[in-house]
Amino acid sequence: MKIGLYFGSFNPIHTGHLIIASYIANHTDLQKVWFVVSPQNPFKHSATLLNEYQRLKLVQLAVEEDDQLKASDIEFKLPKPSYTIDTLTYLEEKYPQHAFSVIMGSDSLQNFSKWKNAHLILQKFKLFVYERPGFLINVPEEGKIIVVKAPLLEISATLIRNNIKEGKSIRYLVPDVVREEIERSGYYK
């Protein structure tokens, strides 16, 4: 099976993430998209993150009704911080029957050369890159990069967290089941 790995903190997952994942699952040759919840992104400060199991639960709630999308805790079992090449190597060994690709925004592609073993990722795996406003896609010579024109929403996890802190609604920014869990558990207050 061809599986796209959409890595992220998902702090919290929002409608923008889901639209991109669904679009890629429906408009490319990928058969499934796994949301790989990163316990600790080497480029982000972990103090600002909700606990990884709480973020995983929010992703699970968001995708439970969609057979093409799946929440993955694979990086919870690997050393921290999480490096994409290590996760890809582990997944290749654990699931040799699957072909894995990486899904990322054009903002991440601009920083891609700073990733651990970026050249190896480009050699071995397809990258599905969706354009983010203000971040043009400069396709490197090597590698297999597929540019995807996914519909984008100007939604960020930061906006959602700020709305919660300020007592503003996050309805329509996240799925209702995610909003209900955030409110019930008092996350991001």
Foldseek 3Di string as FASTA:
>chain_A
DEEEEEEDQCLPPWPQNVQQQVCCCVPDPHVAYEYANFQAAPVDDNVPGDGSVLNLVLLCQQCVVPPRYYYDPQNVPPDPPDAPVVSVVVCCVVCVVYAYAYEEELVVVVVLVVGVPSVVNQQRHEYEYEYDPPRDHDDDPTHHYHYDPGDGDPADSVVVLVCVVVVHDCPNGHPPVSSVSCVVVVPSD
